[in-house]
Amino acid sequence: MTQEKQPITTNSAVPFPSTAVAAEAARDDAGIAKEDTAWTDRPEPAAGLAPITVAAPTPEPQDTAEGAPGRAPKMRADSISVFYGEKQALKDVSIQIHEDRVTAFIGPSGCGKSTFLRCFNRMNDTISGARVTGRIELDGEDINSAQMDVVHLRARVGMVFQKPNPFPKSIFENVAYGPRIHGLADKKADLEGIVEKSLKRAGLWDEVKDRLAESGTALSGGQQQRLCIARAIAVDPEVILMDEPASALDPIATAKIEELIHELRGRYAIAIVTHNMQQAARVSQRTAFFHLGELIEYGRTSDIFTNPREERTQDYITGRYG
């Protein structure tokens, strides 16, 4: 006979949300217009599952754009499925990415979160046998249409990969490469300004400003990843995709990447894949939980980590599997 699963208690080990996340959970949402209506009318938590309580710090000022009526998402995915040959890796996923938020994709290895992330700038096009169905829009424009210039799309939707991959060029040339090939700077002074601004935004300028001629591959792992972020933002993208950007870094370098994500929020729409649930709780405002190629739950990060609607979500964040 199967042993009955015990309900979650306040002593269960769960990731502790950041101040911003916990404060968001404590805010009074009265009067704020509804959004993401496809996800708000969800069922109540499964019977027998007690909510996880987390003390809320002093609330931060309300984000007035949070509930702005009629506010369109930066990117919208509708009914996305991905196939590798005959194998279906992603099943009918729909989600919205807003420009003033960080959206985290979490779930066990092989659940489809990285595959889904790559759909947003058509990186799956480079994989032989991959096929994507459904519709993804960037500012209302179908990115999979024949009229979409993929090179231009990837300039608008930049990507930072799990393993730092600087070019075998100087630090300066790593950042200058994108603006140069896209014709964003006509003069050397303009190019130098773009490089400096990008490195400052990536939090790397003070560490490398006196050695811009040195190879980018000579930097530490954390510095290389921030160099790749600087390279991505040098072409002035609208969206930044991050596929486990800190998974190969030490805790100090990881903290710098997370601080950088906080600073970039608001300038860019950001979507991040992470296996680290504590990291998702610290850096994101929206979280999507994937399992076996399906989107199980999507909503406010504070709700996902403190009061998930789905039993599978609760099981995952409390370590019962994954």
Protein backbone atom coordinates (compact mmCIF):
# COMPACT_ATOMS: atom_id res chain seq x y z
CA MET A 1 0.00 0.00 0.00
CA THR A 2 1.34 3.42 -0.98
CA GLN A 3 2.21 5.60 1.98
CA GLU A 4 0.20 8.82 2.07
CA LYS A 5 2.28 11.88 1.31
CA GLN A 6 2.58 14.23 4.27
CA PRO A 7 1.60 17.87 3.72
CA ILE A 8 4.29 20.54 3.49
CA THR A 9 4.88 22.41 6.72
CA THR A 10 6.61 25.65 7.53
CA ASN A 11 9.70 23.62 8.46
CA SER A 12 10.10 22.28 4.92
CA ALA A 13 13.27 23.39 3.15
CA VAL A 14 12.46 25.91 0.46
CA PRO A 15 14.41 28.67 -1.31
CA PHE A 16 14.08 31.96 0.54
CA PRO A 17 12.93 34.72 -1.80
CA SER A 18 14.82 37.95 -2.24
CA THR A 19 13.61 41.11 -0.55
CA ALA A 20 12.01 42.25 -3.79
CA VAL A 21 10.18 38.96 -4.28
CA ALA A 22 8.92 38.69 -0.72
CA ALA A 23 7.88 42.33 -0.76
CA GLU A 24 5.92 41.74 -3.92
CA ALA A 25 4.06 38.92 -2.17
CA ALA A 26 3.17 41.29 0.69
CA ARG A 27 1.72 44.04 -1.46
CA ASP A 28 -1.98 44.70 -1.58
CA ASP A 29 -2.98 44.04 -5.17
CA ALA A 30 -6.42 45.65 -4.85
CA GLY A 31 -7.26 47.89 -7.77
CA ILE A 32 -4.48 46.62 -10.02
CA ALA A 33 -5.76 45.58 -13.43
CA LYS A 34 -5.63 41.89 -14.28
CA GLU A 35 -2.96 40.59 -16.66
CA ASP A 36 -1.89 37.26 -18.05
CA THR A 37 -5.56 36.24 -17.83
CA ALA A 38 -4.80 32.83 -19.22
CA TRP A 39 -2.94 32.09 -16.00
CA THR A 40 -4.88 33.98 -13.36
CA ASP A 41 -7.94 31.74 -13.43
CA ARG A 42 -6.08 28.76 -12.07
CA PRO A 43 -7.56 26.24 -9.63
CA GLU A 44 -6.93 26.47 -5.92
CA PRO A 45 -3.97 24.51 -4.49
CA ALA A 46 -4.40 20.76 -4.42
CA ALA A 47 -6.21 19.51 -1.35
CA GLY A 48 -3.99 18.59 1.56
CA LEU A 49 -1.10 20.88 0.55
CA ALA A 50 -0.43 23.56 3.12
CA PRO A 51 1.00 26.86 1.85
CA ILE A 52 4.62 27.61 2.60
CA THR A 53 4.84 30.76 4.69
CA VAL A 54 7.71 33.19 4.34
CA ALA A 55 8.03 36.34 6.42
CA ALA A 56 7.79 39.42 4.24
CA PRO A 57 10.32 42.24 4.69
CA THR A 58 9.37 45.90 4.42
CA PRO A 59 7.52 46.35 1.11
CA GLU A 60 9.25 48.20 -1.70
CA PRO A 61 7.51 50.93 -3.72
CA GLN A 62 4.82 49.59 -6.04
CA ASP A 63 5.86 49.08 -9.66
CA THR A 64 3.26 51.20 -11.40
CA ALA A 65 3.75 49.40 -14.69
CA GLU A 66 2.88 46.07 -13.11
CA GLY A 67 -0.81 46.34 -13.64
CA ALA A 68 -1.02 48.85 -16.46
CA PRO A 69 -4.17 47.87 -18.40
CA GLY A 70 -3.63 46.85 -22.02
CA ARG A 71 0.15 46.66 -21.68
CA ALA A 72 1.44 44.38 -24.42
CA PRO A 73 4.25 41.90 -23.71
CA LYS A 74 7.60 42.33 -25.41
CA MET A 75 7.51 38.73 -26.59
CA ARG A 76 4.63 36.29 -26.69
CA ALA A 77 4.79 32.53 -27.29
CA ASP A 78 1.58 30.76 -28.26
CA SER A 79 1.24 26.96 -28.40
CA ILE A 80 4.92 26.27 -29.00
CA SER A 81 5.93 22.67 -29.62
CA VAL A 82 9.44 21.52 -30.56
CA PHE A 83 10.38 18.26 -32.24
CA TYR A 84 13.80 16.70 -32.77
CA GLY A 85 13.04 14.29 -35.56
CA GLU A 86 10.12 12.21 -34.31
CA LYS A 87 10.73 13.02 -30.64
CA GLN A 88 8.67 15.83 -29.13
CA ALA A 89 10.74 17.86 -26.67
CA LEU A 90 8.25 20.63 -25.90
CA LYS A 91 4.47 20.41 -25.78
CA ASP A 92 2.14 23.32 -26.49
CA VAL A 93 3.80 26.00 -24.33
CA SER A 94 2.40 29.54 -24.11
CA ILE A 95 4.01 32.36 -22.15
CA GLN A 96 4.61 36.12 -22.18
CA ILE A 97 7.87 38.01 -21.63
CA HIS A 98 7.58 41.62 -20.44
CA GLU A 99 10.30 44.22 -20.81
CA ASP A 100 10.27 45.38 -17.19
CA ARG A 101 10.66 41.93 -15.66
CA VAL A 102 13.05 39.03 -15.36
CA THR A 103 11.34 35.75 -16.20
CA ALA A 104 12.97 32.56 -14.89
CA PHE A 105 12.51 29.09 -16.38
CA ILE A 106 13.06 26.33 -13.83
CA GLY A 107 12.69 22.56 -13.84
CA PRO A 108 14.66 19.30 -13.81
CA SER A 109 17.36 18.55 -16.39
CA GLY A 110 15.90 17.64 -19.77
CA CYS A 111 12.52 19.23 -19.10
CA GLY A 112 12.68 21.52 -22.16
CA LYS A 113 13.42 24.89 -20.59
CA SER A 114 16.60 25.57 -22.62
CA THR A 115 14.92 24.29 -25.77
CA PHE A 116 12.10 26.77 -25.17
CA LEU A 117 14.52 29.62 -24.48
CA ARG A 118 16.28 29.02 -27.81
CA CYS A 119 12.95 29.39 -29.62
CA PHE A 120 12.90 33.12 -28.86
CA ASN A 121 15.78 33.91 -31.22
CA ARG A 122 15.49 30.86 -33.47
CA MET A 123 18.66 29.19 -32.26
CA ASN A 124 16.93 25.86 -32.81
CA ASP A 125 17.19 26.60 -36.54
CA THR A 126 20.85 25.63 -36.30
CA ILE A 127 20.00 22.10 -35.09
CA SER A 128 19.52 19.51 -37.81
CA GLY A 129 16.11 17.84 -37.60
CA ALA A 130 14.63 20.41 -35.21
CA ARG A 131 11.12 21.62 -35.97
CA VAL A 132 9.14 24.31 -34.14
CA THR A 133 5.37 24.77 -34.37
CA GLY A 134 3.25 27.56 -32.90
CA ARG A 135 3.79 31.30 -32.99
CA ILE A 136 6.26 33.60 -31.25
CA GLU A 137 5.89 37.36 -31.55
CA LEU A 138 8.35 40.17 -30.91
CA ASP A 139 6.41 43.42 -30.59
CA GLY A 140 3.54 41.71 -32.40
CA GLU A 141 5.65 40.47 -35.32
CA ASP A 142 5.94 36.74 -36.02
CA ILE A 143 9.63 35.89 -35.66
CA ASN A 144 9.23 32.67 -37.66
CA SER A 145 7.80 34.37 -40.72
CA ALA A 146 9.69 34.25 -44.01
CA GLN A 147 10.05 38.03 -43.89
CA MET A 148 11.98 37.98 -40.61
CA ASP A 149 15.73 38.55 -41.00
CA VAL A 150 17.27 36.05 -38.58
CA VAL A 151 20.50 38.04 -38.25
CA HIS A 152 18.53 41.15 -37.33
CA LEU A 153 16.37 39.10 -34.96
CA ARG A 154 19.42 37.84 -33.07
CA ALA A 155 20.68 41.41 -32.75
CA ARG A 156 17.35 42.37 -31.17
CA VAL A 157 17.19 39.22 -29.04
CA GLY A 158 20.67 38.58 -27.66
CA MET A 159 21.80 35.41 -25.91
CA VAL A 160 24.29 34.52 -23.19
CA PHE A 161 25.20 30.85 -22.99
CA GLN A 162 25.94 28.55 -20.08
CA LYS A 163 29.68 28.41 -20.77
CA PRO A 164 31.46 31.72 -21.39
CA ASN A 165 32.47 31.85 -25.05
CA PRO A 166 34.55 34.98 -25.71
CA PHE A 167 36.04 35.31 -29.17
CA PRO A 168 39.82 34.68 -29.47
CA LYS A 169 40.25 38.43 -29.84
CA SER A 170 41.07 41.34 -27.59
CA ILE A 171 38.63 42.49 -24.94
CA PHE A 172 37.92 45.57 -27.03
CA GLU A 173 37.31 43.57 -30.22
CA ASN A 174 34.99 41.15 -28.42
CA VAL A 175 32.63 44.00 -27.62
CA ALA A 176 33.22 46.00 -30.79
CA TYR A 177 32.57 43.10 -33.15
CA GLY A 178 28.77 43.27 -33.10
CA PRO A 179 28.39 47.05 -33.49
CA ARG A 180 30.96 46.99 -36.30
CA ILE A 181 29.26 44.29 -38.41
CA HIS A 182 25.83 45.80 -37.84
CA GLY A 183 27.04 49.28 -38.82
CA LEU A 184 26.16 50.91 -35.51
CA ALA A 185 29.30 53.06 -35.38
CA ASP A 186 30.80 55.04 -38.26
CA LYS A 187 33.74 56.51 -36.39
CA LYS A 188 36.34 55.00 -34.11
CA ALA A 189 35.34 57.36 -31.33
CA ASP A 190 31.73 56.16 -31.58
CA LEU A 191 32.87 52.54 -31.42
CA GLU A 192 35.04 53.25 -28.40
CA GLY A 193 32.06 54.89 -26.71
CA ILE A 194 29.87 51.83 -27.34
CA VAL A 195 32.56 49.52 -25.96
CA GLU A 196 33.01 51.62 -22.82
CA LYS A 197 29.26 51.94 -22.21
CA SER A 198 28.69 48.21 -22.70
CA LEU A 199 31.52 47.22 -20.37
CA LYS A 200 30.23 49.65 -17.74
CA ARG A 201 26.73 48.21 -17.98
CA ALA A 202 28.21 44.73 -17.62
CA GLY A 203 30.09 45.84 -14.51
CA LEU A 204 33.46 45.06 -16.09
CA TRP A 205 34.88 48.41 -17.15
CA ASP A 206 36.82 49.20 -13.97
CA GLU A 207 38.48 45.77 -14.09
CA VAL A 208 39.61 45.86 -17.72
CA LYS A 209 39.82 49.51 -18.80
CA ASP A 210 43.62 49.46 -18.68
CA ARG A 211 44.01 46.20 -20.62
CA LEU A 212 41.50 46.36 -23.45
CA ALA A 213 44.13 45.06 -25.86
CA GLU A 214 44.57 41.80 -23.94
CA SER A 215 42.81 38.64 -25.06
CA GLY A 216 39.30 38.08 -23.76
CA THR A 217 40.14 34.43 -23.14
CA ALA A 218 42.73 35.50 -20.54
CA LEU A 219 40.03 36.75 -18.18
CA SER A 220 38.63 34.72 -15.29
CA GLY A 221 35.46 32.70 -15.81
CA GLY A 222 33.23 35.30 -14.19
CA GLN A 223 34.87 38.12 -16.13
CA GLN A 224 34.50 36.17 -19.37
CA GLN A 225 30.78 35.75 -18.75
CA ARG A 226 30.36 39.47 -18.07
CA LEU A 227 32.36 40.14 -21.24
CA CYS A 228 29.88 37.98 -23.15
CA ILE A 229 27.03 39.97 -21.60
CA ALA A 230 28.75 43.20 -22.64
CA ARG A 231 29.11 41.77 -26.16
CA ALA A 232 25.40 40.94 -26.22
CA ILE A 233 24.24 44.38 -25.09
CA ALA A 234 26.70 46.26 -27.36
CA VAL A 235 24.28 45.89 -30.29
CA ASP A 236 21.51 47.45 -28.18
CA PRO A 237 19.15 44.44 -28.01
CA GLU A 238 15.59 44.59 -26.75
CA VAL A 239 15.60 41.15 -25.12
CA ILE A 240 18.40 39.18 -23.43
CA LEU A 241 18.19 35.40 -23.10
CA MET A 242 20.42 33.77 -20.49
CA ASP A 243 20.91 30.00 -20.47
CA GLU A 244 22.23 29.17 -16.99
CA PRO A 245 24.72 32.06 -17.08
CA ALA A 246 26.21 31.36 -13.65
CA SER A 247 26.17 27.56 -13.50
CA ALA A 248 29.93 27.25 -14.14
CA LEU A 249 30.96 30.13 -11.88
CA ASP A 250 32.08 30.39 -8.27
CA PRO A 251 29.77 32.02 -5.68
CA ILE A 252 31.46 35.44 -5.87
CA ALA A 253 31.25 35.56 -9.67
CA THR A 254 27.66 34.29 -9.48
CA ALA A 255 26.72 37.13 -7.12
CA LYS A 256 28.14 39.66 -9.59
CA ILE A 257 26.11 38.15 -12.44
CA GLU A 258 22.96 38.32 -10.33
CA GLU A 259 23.66 41.94 -9.39
CA LEU A 260 24.14 42.67 -13.08
CA ILE A 261 20.78 41.08 -13.93
CA HIS A 262 19.11 43.37 -11.38
CA GLU A 263 20.79 46.40 -12.95
CA LEU A 264 19.83 45.38 -16.50
CA ARG A 265 16.19 44.85 -15.59
CA GLY A 266 14.14 47.70 -17.00
CA ARG A 267 16.56 48.33 -19.87
CA TYR A 268 15.87 44.95 -21.42
CA ALA A 269 13.34 42.15 -21.23
CA ILE A 270 15.25 39.25 -19.66
CA ALA A 271 14.53 35.52 -19.65
CA ILE A 272 16.84 33.23 -17.72
CA VAL A 273 17.11 29.44 -17.48
CA THR A 274 18.44 28.22 -14.15
CA HIS A 275 18.71 24.98 -12.18
CA ASN A 276 19.27 27.05 -9.05
CA MET A 277 15.89 27.74 -7.46
CA GLN A 278 17.39 30.16 -4.95
CA GLN A 279 18.78 32.13 -7.87
CA ALA A 280 15.40 32.19 -9.59
CA ALA A 281 13.84 33.49 -6.36
CA ARG A 282 16.50 36.18 -6.05
CA VAL A 283 16.56 37.61 -9.57
CA SER A 284 13.15 37.07 -11.20
CA GLN A 285 9.69 38.58 -10.99
CA ARG A 286 7.99 35.81 -12.99
CA THR A 287 8.78 32.08 -12.91
CA ALA A 288 7.77 29.26 -15.23
CA PHE A 289 8.12 25.66 -14.07
CA PHE A 290 8.70 23.01 -16.75
CA HIS A 291 8.48 19.24 -16.41
CA LEU A 292 8.80 16.59 -19.13
CA GLY A 293 8.38 19.12 -21.91
CA GLU A 294 5.27 20.74 -20.45
CA LEU A 295 4.75 24.12 -18.81
CA ILE A 296 3.27 23.12 -15.45
CA GLU A 297 2.88 26.52 -13.82
CA TYR A 298 3.66 30.14 -14.62
CA GLY A 299 3.11 33.19 -12.44
CA ARG A 300 4.61 35.61 -9.94
CA THR A 301 7.86 34.31 -8.50
CA SER A 302 6.55 35.03 -5.01
CA ASP A 303 3.50 32.84 -5.66
CA ILE A 304 5.46 30.01 -7.25
CA PHE A 305 7.85 29.74 -4.30
CA THR A 306 5.46 30.44 -1.43
CA ASN A 307 2.07 29.20 -2.60
CA PRO A 308 2.29 27.09 -5.78
CA ARG A 309 -0.97 26.03 -7.38
CA GLU A 310 0.24 22.71 -8.76
CA GLU A 311 1.31 19.72 -6.67
CA ARG A 312 4.17 18.96 -9.08
CA THR A 313 5.53 22.47 -8.57
CA GLN A 314 5.37 22.07 -4.81
CA ASP A 315 7.12 18.71 -5.01
CA TYR A 316 9.92 20.16 -7.13
CA ILE A 317 10.67 23.28 -5.12
CA THR A 318 10.69 21.29 -1.86
CA GLY A 319 13.16 18.76 -3.25
CA ARG A 320 10.94 15.71 -3.61
CA TYR A 321 12.36 15.21 -7.11
CA GLY A 322 14.56 16.94 -9.67
